[in-house]
Amino acid sequence: MHTPPLILIADDDQAFREIVSVKLRAAGYWVAEAMSGDEAFERAKTLKPDLIVVDMHMPSGNGAEALLDIKSDPELGKTPVFILSSEKDPWPTIKTENPSVAKELGADDYLYKEDDLDKNVGKIAAAIKRISDGGQGGQQ
């Protein structure tokens, strides 16, 4: 684990990415950014972040593709990945409000963009604490 922990945020919305990055830095984390799913995967291979947050809808490799790439990579597969979306249901035929569906897709948790940022930072902080305590980064 990096000291302080390194969080990789992947979102094509630069303004949102910057707001989240500022919040995470204020909470004591290092933050790296990516603008696409493809870039997130490449940066993750280089940086080996402690936790990755990927927006579900991005050009040039969406969040689902990045999630699958990360989870299937031998070096990154155990890295916690949180899905991020402005939609309560980014897959119309799958009810993502059910955390078990996100887990089936390989995600460790789901962050809703419209939630209070402090709530989402709290979820990230809880996952980082579980990792540093020797556990997994997903929901408990």
N, C-alpha and C. Protein backbone atom coordinates (compact mmCIF):
# COMPACT_ATOMS: atom_id res chain seq x y z
N MET A 1 0.85 -1.18 0.00
CA MET A 1 0.00 0.00 0.00
C MET A 1 0.89 1.24 0.00
N HIS A 2 0.50 2.22 -0.80
CA HIS A 2 1.23 3.49 -0.83
C HIS A 2 0.97 4.26 0.46
N THR A 3 1.90 5.14 0.80
CA THR A 3 1.70 6.02 1.95
C THR A 3 1.90 7.45 1.49
N PRO A 4 0.84 8.27 1.50
CA PRO A 4 -0.56 7.92 1.75
C PRO A 4 -1.11 7.06 0.62
N PRO A 5 -2.26 6.43 0.85
CA PRO A 5 -2.86 5.58 -0.18
C PRO A 5 -3.11 6.34 -1.49
N LEU A 6 -2.91 5.64 -2.60
CA LEU A 6 -3.10 6.21 -3.93
C LEU A 6 -4.43 5.75 -4.52
N ILE A 7 -5.26 6.72 -4.88
CA ILE A 7 -6.56 6.46 -5.50
C ILE A 7 -6.50 6.93 -6.95
N LEU A 8 -6.90 6.07 -7.89
CA LEU A 8 -6.99 6.44 -9.30
C LEU A 8 -8.45 6.70 -9.63
N ILE A 9 -8.74 7.91 -10.12
CA ILE A 9 -10.09 8.31 -10.50
C ILE A 9 -10.16 8.39 -12.02
N ALA A 10 -11.07 7.64 -12.63
CA ALA A 10 -11.25 7.66 -14.08
C ALA A 10 -12.65 8.18 -14.40
N ASP A 11 -12.69 9.34 -15.04
CA ASP A 11 -13.95 9.95 -15.43
C ASP A 11 -13.66 10.92 -16.57
N ASP A 12 -14.49 10.92 -17.61
CA ASP A 12 -14.28 11.83 -18.72
C ASP A 12 -14.74 13.25 -18.42
N ASP A 13 -15.46 13.44 -17.33
CA ASP A 13 -15.93 14.76 -16.90
C ASP A 13 -14.83 15.40 -16.05
N GLN A 14 -14.06 16.30 -16.67
CA GLN A 14 -12.91 16.89 -15.99
C GLN A 14 -13.30 17.63 -14.72
N ALA A 15 -14.39 18.38 -14.77
CA ALA A 15 -14.81 19.15 -13.59
C ALA A 15 -15.14 18.22 -12.42
N PHE A 16 -15.86 17.14 -12.69
CA PHE A 16 -16.20 16.20 -11.62
C PHE A 16 -14.94 15.52 -11.09
N ARG A 17 -14.06 15.12 -12.01
CA ARG A 17 -12.80 14.47 -11.62
C ARG A 17 -12.00 15.38 -10.70
N GLU A 18 -11.93 16.66 -11.03
CA GLU A 18 -11.17 17.61 -10.21
C GLU A 18 -11.80 17.81 -8.83
N ILE A 19 -13.13 17.88 -8.78
CA ILE A 19 -13.81 18.05 -7.49
C ILE A 19 -13.55 16.85 -6.58
N VAL A 20 -13.68 15.65 -7.14
CA VAL A 20 -13.43 14.44 -6.36
C VAL A 20 -11.97 14.38 -5.92
N SER A 21 -11.06 14.74 -6.82
CA SER A 21 -9.64 14.73 -6.49
C SER A 21 -9.32 15.68 -5.34
N VAL A 22 -9.90 16.87 -5.37
CA VAL A 22 -9.68 17.84 -4.29
C VAL A 22 -10.18 17.27 -2.97
N LYS A 23 -11.37 16.67 -2.98
CA LYS A 23 -11.94 16.08 -1.75
C LYS A 23 -11.04 14.97 -1.22
N LEU A 24 -10.57 14.11 -2.11
CA LEU A 24 -9.72 13.00 -1.68
C LEU A 24 -8.37 13.49 -1.17
N ARG A 25 -7.80 14.48 -1.84
CA ARG A 25 -6.52 15.04 -1.35
C ARG A 25 -6.71 15.68 0.02
N ALA A 26 -7.83 16.37 0.21
CA ALA A 26 -8.12 16.98 1.52
C ALA A 26 -8.27 15.92 2.60
N ALA A 27 -8.69 14.72 2.21
CA ALA A 27 -8.83 13.62 3.17
C ALA A 27 -7.51 12.88 3.39
N GLY A 28 -6.45 13.31 2.69
CA GLY A 28 -5.13 12.75 2.94
C GLY A 28 -4.65 11.70 1.95
N TYR A 29 -5.31 11.59 0.80
CA TYR A 29 -4.92 10.59 -0.20
C TYR A 29 -4.12 11.22 -1.33
N TRP A 30 -3.27 10.41 -1.96
CA TRP A 30 -2.69 10.78 -3.24
C TRP A 30 -3.73 10.43 -4.28
N VAL A 31 -3.81 11.23 -5.33
CA VAL A 31 -4.81 10.99 -6.37
C VAL A 31 -4.16 11.07 -7.74
N ALA A 32 -4.46 10.09 -8.57
CA ALA A 32 -4.09 10.11 -9.98
C ALA A 32 -5.39 10.12 -10.77
N GLU A 33 -5.33 10.67 -11.97
CA GLU A 33 -6.55 10.81 -12.77
C GLU A 33 -6.38 10.17 -14.15
N ALA A 34 -7.50 9.73 -14.70
CA ALA A 34 -7.56 9.21 -16.07
C ALA A 34 -8.85 9.72 -16.69
N MET A 35 -8.83 9.90 -18.03
CA MET A 35 -10.00 10.44 -18.73
C MET A 35 -10.81 9.39 -19.47
N SER A 36 -10.34 8.14 -19.47
CA SER A 36 -11.05 7.08 -20.18
C SER A 36 -10.77 5.75 -19.50
N GLY A 37 -11.54 4.76 -19.88
CA GLY A 37 -11.30 3.42 -19.36
C GLY A 37 -9.95 2.87 -19.80
N ASP A 38 -9.60 3.11 -21.06
CA ASP A 38 -8.31 2.65 -21.56
C ASP A 38 -7.16 3.29 -20.79
N GLU A 39 -7.26 4.61 -20.58
CA GLU A 39 -6.21 5.31 -19.83
C GLU A 39 -6.17 4.83 -18.38
N ALA A 40 -7.33 4.55 -17.80
CA ALA A 40 -7.37 4.05 -16.42
C ALA A 40 -6.60 2.74 -16.31
N PHE A 41 -6.83 1.84 -17.24
CA PHE A 41 -6.14 0.55 -17.20
C PHE A 41 -4.63 0.74 -17.36
N GLU A 42 -4.21 1.56 -18.31
CA GLU A 42 -2.78 1.80 -18.52
C GLU A 42 -2.14 2.46 -17.30
N ARG A 43 -2.81 3.46 -16.73
CA ARG A 43 -2.27 4.13 -15.54
C ARG A 43 -2.24 3.19 -14.34
N ALA A 44 -3.24 2.34 -14.23
CA ALA A 44 -3.27 1.37 -13.12
C ALA A 44 -2.09 0.41 -13.23
N LYS A 45 -1.77 -0.04 -14.44
CA LYS A 45 -0.63 -0.95 -14.62
C LYS A 45 0.67 -0.28 -14.19
N THR A 46 0.80 1.01 -14.46
CA THR A 46 2.02 1.74 -14.12
C THR A 46 2.07 2.12 -12.65
N LEU A 47 0.98 2.67 -12.13
CA LEU A 47 0.96 3.24 -10.78
C LEU A 47 0.66 2.24 -9.67
N LYS A 48 -0.03 1.17 -9.99
CA LYS A 48 -0.46 0.19 -8.98
C LYS A 48 -1.20 0.87 -7.82
N PRO A 49 -2.32 1.54 -8.12
CA PRO A 49 -3.05 2.27 -7.06
C PRO A 49 -3.64 1.32 -6.03
N ASP A 50 -3.98 1.88 -4.89
CA ASP A 50 -4.58 1.10 -3.81
C ASP A 50 -6.07 0.90 -4.03
N LEU A 51 -6.69 1.79 -4.79
CA LEU A 51 -8.12 1.70 -5.09
C LEU A 51 -8.37 2.46 -6.38
N ILE A 52 -9.29 1.97 -7.20
CA ILE A 52 -9.61 2.60 -8.48
C ILE A 52 -11.11 2.90 -8.52
N VAL A 53 -11.44 4.11 -8.96
CA VAL A 53 -12.84 4.51 -9.16
C VAL A 53 -13.01 4.78 -10.65
N VAL A 54 -13.94 4.04 -11.30
CA VAL A 54 -14.15 4.22 -12.74
C VAL A 54 -15.59 4.61 -13.04
N ASP A 55 -15.73 5.68 -13.82
CA ASP A 55 -17.05 6.09 -14.31
C ASP A 55 -17.54 5.04 -15.29
N MET A 56 -18.80 4.74 -15.23
CA MET A 56 -19.35 3.70 -16.08
C MET A 56 -19.42 4.12 -17.54
N HIS A 57 -19.70 5.39 -17.81
CA HIS A 57 -19.90 5.84 -19.19
C HIS A 57 -18.79 6.80 -19.60
N MET A 58 -17.81 6.28 -20.35
CA MET A 58 -16.71 7.09 -20.85
C MET A 58 -16.39 6.66 -22.27
N PRO A 59 -15.88 7.58 -23.08
CA PRO A 59 -15.44 7.18 -24.41
C PRO A 59 -14.11 6.43 -24.30
N SER A 60 -13.72 5.78 -25.35
CA SER A 60 -12.42 5.11 -25.41
C SER A 60 -12.22 4.15 -24.25
N GLY A 61 -13.09 3.19 -24.16
CA GLY A 61 -13.00 2.21 -23.09
C GLY A 61 -13.85 2.65 -21.92
N ASN A 62 -15.05 2.11 -21.81
CA ASN A 62 -15.93 2.54 -20.72
C ASN A 62 -15.54 1.87 -19.41
N GLY A 63 -16.25 2.21 -18.36
CA GLY A 63 -15.93 1.70 -17.04
C GLY A 63 -16.05 0.20 -16.91
N ALA A 64 -17.05 -0.39 -17.58
CA ALA A 64 -17.21 -1.84 -17.52
C ALA A 64 -16.02 -2.54 -18.15
N GLU A 65 -15.55 -2.02 -19.29
CA GLU A 65 -14.39 -2.61 -19.95
C GLU A 65 -13.15 -2.46 -19.07
N ALA A 66 -12.97 -1.28 -18.48
CA ALA A 66 -11.82 -1.06 -17.59
C ALA A 66 -11.89 -2.00 -16.39
N LEU A 67 -13.07 -2.14 -15.82
CA LEU A 67 -13.27 -3.03 -14.68
C LEU A 67 -12.85 -4.46 -15.04
N LEU A 68 -13.33 -4.95 -16.17
CA LEU A 68 -12.98 -6.31 -16.59
C LEU A 68 -11.49 -6.46 -16.87
N ASP A 69 -10.88 -5.45 -17.51
CA ASP A 69 -9.44 -5.49 -17.78
C ASP A 69 -8.64 -5.53 -16.48
N ILE A 70 -9.02 -4.68 -15.53
CA ILE A 70 -8.30 -4.60 -14.26
C ILE A 70 -8.45 -5.91 -13.48
N LYS A 71 -9.67 -6.40 -13.38
CA LYS A 71 -9.92 -7.60 -12.57
C LYS A 71 -9.31 -8.86 -13.20
N SER A 72 -9.08 -8.85 -14.52
CA SER A 72 -8.48 -10.02 -15.17
C SER A 72 -6.96 -9.92 -15.25
N ASP A 73 -6.39 -8.80 -14.85
CA ASP A 73 -4.94 -8.62 -14.89
C ASP A 73 -4.30 -9.29 -13.67
N PRO A 74 -3.27 -10.12 -13.88
CA PRO A 74 -2.65 -10.83 -12.76
C PRO A 74 -2.11 -9.91 -11.66
N GLU A 75 -1.59 -8.75 -12.03
CA GLU A 75 -1.02 -7.84 -11.04
C GLU A 75 -2.05 -6.92 -10.40
N LEU A 76 -3.13 -6.64 -11.10
CA LEU A 76 -4.13 -5.68 -10.61
C LEU A 76 -5.41 -6.32 -10.10
N GLY A 77 -5.59 -7.59 -10.35
CA GLY A 77 -6.87 -8.25 -10.10
C GLY A 77 -7.45 -8.10 -8.71
N LYS A 78 -6.60 -7.94 -7.72
CA LYS A 78 -7.10 -7.81 -6.34
C LYS A 78 -7.30 -6.35 -5.93
N THR A 79 -6.97 -5.42 -6.81
CA THR A 79 -7.17 -4.00 -6.51
C THR A 79 -8.66 -3.70 -6.46
N PRO A 80 -9.13 -3.07 -5.38
CA PRO A 80 -10.55 -2.71 -5.32
C PRO A 80 -10.91 -1.72 -6.42
N VAL A 81 -12.03 -1.97 -7.09
CA VAL A 81 -12.54 -1.08 -8.13
C VAL A 81 -13.97 -0.71 -7.78
N PHE A 82 -14.23 0.59 -7.71
CA PHE A 82 -15.57 1.10 -7.45
C PHE A 82 -16.14 1.63 -8.74
N ILE A 83 -17.36 1.23 -9.06
CA ILE A 83 -18.09 1.78 -10.21
C ILE A 83 -18.64 3.14 -9.81
N LEU A 84 -18.55 4.10 -10.72
CA LEU A 84 -19.07 5.44 -10.49
C LEU A 84 -20.05 5.76 -11.61
N SER A 85 -21.23 6.28 -11.27
CA SER A 85 -22.19 6.63 -12.31
C SER A 85 -23.13 7.71 -11.82
N SER A 86 -23.62 8.51 -12.75
CA SER A 86 -24.64 9.51 -12.42
C SER A 86 -26.02 8.89 -12.52
N GLU A 87 -26.09 7.67 -12.97
CA GLU A 87 -27.37 6.97 -13.10
C GLU A 87 -27.51 5.94 -12.00
N LYS A 88 -28.69 5.88 -11.43
CA LYS A 88 -28.95 4.82 -10.45
C LYS A 88 -28.91 3.46 -11.13
N ASP A 89 -29.19 3.44 -12.42
CA ASP A 89 -29.24 2.18 -13.16
C ASP A 89 -28.51 2.33 -14.49
N PRO A 90 -27.16 2.21 -14.50
CA PRO A 90 -26.43 2.38 -15.75
C PRO A 90 -26.66 1.27 -16.76
N TRP A 91 -27.18 0.14 -16.33
CA TRP A 91 -27.53 -0.95 -17.23
C TRP A 91 -29.03 -1.13 -17.13
N PRO A 92 -29.80 -0.72 -18.13
CA PRO A 92 -31.26 -0.75 -18.03
C PRO A 92 -31.85 -2.11 -17.64
N THR A 93 -31.19 -3.19 -17.98
CA THR A 93 -31.77 -4.50 -17.67
C THR A 93 -31.26 -5.08 -16.36
N ILE A 94 -30.35 -4.37 -15.70
CA ILE A 94 -29.79 -4.85 -14.44
C ILE A 94 -30.03 -3.80 -13.38
N LYS A 95 -30.57 -4.21 -12.25
CA LYS A 95 -30.82 -3.26 -11.17
C LYS A 95 -29.55 -3.08 -10.34
N THR A 96 -28.79 -2.02 -10.62
CA THR A 96 -27.52 -1.82 -9.94
C THR A 96 -27.68 -1.29 -8.53
N GLU A 97 -28.90 -0.93 -8.13
CA GLU A 97 -29.09 -0.53 -6.74
C GLU A 97 -28.80 -1.72 -5.82
N ASN A 98 -28.84 -2.91 -6.37
CA ASN A 98 -28.54 -4.12 -5.62
C ASN A 98 -27.02 -4.33 -5.65
N PRO A 99 -26.35 -4.16 -4.51
CA PRO A 99 -24.89 -4.28 -4.48
C PRO A 99 -24.37 -5.62 -4.99
N SER A 100 -25.16 -6.69 -4.88
CA SER A 100 -24.68 -7.99 -5.33
C SER A 100 -24.48 -8.01 -6.85
N VAL A 101 -25.25 -7.23 -7.60
CA VAL A 101 -25.08 -7.18 -9.05
C VAL A 101 -23.74 -6.56 -9.40
N ALA A 102 -23.41 -5.45 -8.74
CA ALA A 102 -22.11 -4.82 -8.97
C ALA A 102 -20.98 -5.80 -8.65
N LYS A 103 -21.14 -6.56 -7.58
CA LYS A 103 -20.11 -7.54 -7.22
C LYS A 103 -20.00 -8.63 -8.28
N GLU A 104 -21.13 -9.06 -8.83
CA GLU A 104 -21.10 -10.08 -9.88
C GLU A 104 -20.32 -9.59 -11.09
N LEU A 105 -20.37 -8.30 -11.35
CA LEU A 105 -19.64 -7.72 -12.47
C LEU A 105 -18.16 -7.51 -12.14
N GLY A 106 -17.79 -7.75 -10.88
CA GLY A 106 -16.39 -7.61 -10.46
C GLY A 106 -16.10 -6.37 -9.67
N ALA A 107 -17.07 -5.47 -9.55
CA ALA A 107 -16.85 -4.23 -8.79
C ALA A 107 -16.89 -4.53 -7.29
N ASP A 108 -16.14 -3.74 -6.55
CA ASP A 108 -16.13 -3.88 -5.10
C ASP A 108 -17.17 -3.00 -4.43
N ASP A 109 -17.60 -1.96 -5.12
CA ASP A 109 -18.65 -1.09 -4.59
C ASP A 109 -19.16 -0.21 -5.72
N TYR A 110 -20.22 0.55 -5.43
CA TYR A 110 -20.87 1.41 -6.42
C TYR A 110 -21.02 2.80 -5.81
N LEU A 111 -20.53 3.81 -6.50
CA LEU A 111 -20.67 5.19 -6.05
C LEU A 111 -21.61 5.92 -7.00
N TYR A 112 -22.62 6.55 -6.43
CA TYR A 112 -23.58 7.33 -7.21
C TYR A 112 -23.12 8.78 -7.21
N LYS A 113 -22.88 9.35 -8.39
CA LYS A 113 -22.34 10.70 -8.50
C LYS A 113 -23.18 11.75 -7.79
N GLU A 114 -24.49 11.52 -7.74
CA GLU A 114 -25.37 12.52 -7.15
C GLU A 114 -25.37 12.47 -5.62
N ASP A 115 -24.79 11.43 -5.03
CA ASP A 115 -24.68 11.37 -3.57
C ASP A 115 -23.73 12.46 -3.09
N ASP A 116 -23.88 12.82 -1.84
CA ASP A 116 -22.97 13.77 -1.21
C ASP A 116 -21.53 13.26 -1.37
N LEU A 117 -20.63 14.13 -1.80
CA LEU A 117 -19.25 13.71 -2.02
C LEU A 117 -18.61 13.17 -0.76
N ASP A 118 -18.97 13.74 0.39
CA ASP A 118 -18.41 13.25 1.64
C ASP A 118 -18.82 11.80 1.89
N LYS A 119 -20.03 11.45 1.49
CA LYS A 119 -20.49 10.06 1.63
C LYS A 119 -19.63 9.14 0.77
N ASN A 120 -19.37 9.54 -0.47
CA ASN A 120 -18.56 8.72 -1.36
C ASN A 120 -17.11 8.64 -0.88
N VAL A 121 -16.57 9.76 -0.40
CA VAL A 121 -15.21 9.74 0.16
C VAL A 121 -15.17 8.83 1.38
N GLY A 122 -16.24 8.83 2.16
CA GLY A 122 -16.33 7.95 3.32
C GLY A 122 -16.29 6.48 2.92
N LYS A 123 -16.97 6.13 1.83
CA LYS A 123 -16.94 4.74 1.34
C LYS A 123 -15.52 4.36 0.92
N ILE A 124 -14.84 5.29 0.25
CA ILE A 124 -13.47 5.04 -0.17
C ILE A 124 -12.57 4.89 1.05
N ALA A 125 -12.73 5.78 2.03
CA ALA A 125 -11.91 5.72 3.25
C ALA A 125 -12.13 4.40 3.99
N ALA A 126 -13.37 3.94 4.06
CA ALA A 126 -13.66 2.68 4.74
C ALA A 126 -12.99 1.51 4.01
N ALA A 127 -13.00 1.54 2.68
CA ALA A 127 -12.36 0.47 1.91
C ALA A 127 -10.85 0.49 2.12
N ILE A 128 -10.26 1.67 2.11
CA ILE A 128 -8.81 1.79 2.33
C ILE A 128 -8.45 1.28 3.72
N LYS A 129 -9.27 1.59 4.71
CA LYS A 129 -9.01 1.11 6.08
C LYS A 129 -9.07 -0.41 6.13
N ARG A 130 -10.06 -1.01 5.47
CA ARG A 130 -10.14 -2.47 5.44
C ARG A 130 -8.90 -3.08 4.79
N ILE A 131 -8.43 -2.45 3.72
CA ILE A 131 -7.23 -2.94 3.03
C ILE A 131 -6.03 -2.84 3.96
N SER A 132 -5.86 -1.69 4.61
CA SER A 132 -4.71 -1.50 5.49
C SER A 132 -4.77 -2.42 6.71
N ASP A 133 -5.98 -2.83 7.08
CA ASP A 133 -6.15 -3.77 8.20
C ASP A 133 -6.01 -5.22 7.74
N GLY A 134 -5.71 -5.41 6.45
CA GLY A 134 -5.49 -6.75 5.93
C GLY A 134 -6.69 -7.41 5.30
N GLY A 135 -7.77 -6.66 5.13
CA GLY A 135 -8.99 -7.21 4.53
C GLY A 135 -9.11 -6.85 3.07
N GLN A 136 -10.30 -7.02 2.55
CA GLN A 136 -10.62 -6.67 1.17
C GLN A 136 -11.19 -5.26 1.13
N GLY A 137 -11.15 -4.62 -0.04
CA GLY A 137 -11.61 -3.26 -0.16
C GLY A 137 -13.08 -3.07 -0.43
N GLY A 138 -13.82 -4.15 -0.64
CA GLY A 138 -15.23 -4.03 -0.99
C GLY A 138 -16.12 -3.81 0.21
N GLN A 139 -17.43 -3.78 -0.05
CA GLN A 139 -18.42 -3.56 0.99
C GLN A 139 -18.38 -4.69 2.00
N GLN A 140 -18.73 -4.37 3.21
CA GLN A 140 -18.85 -5.38 4.27
C GLN A 140 -20.29 -5.54 4.65
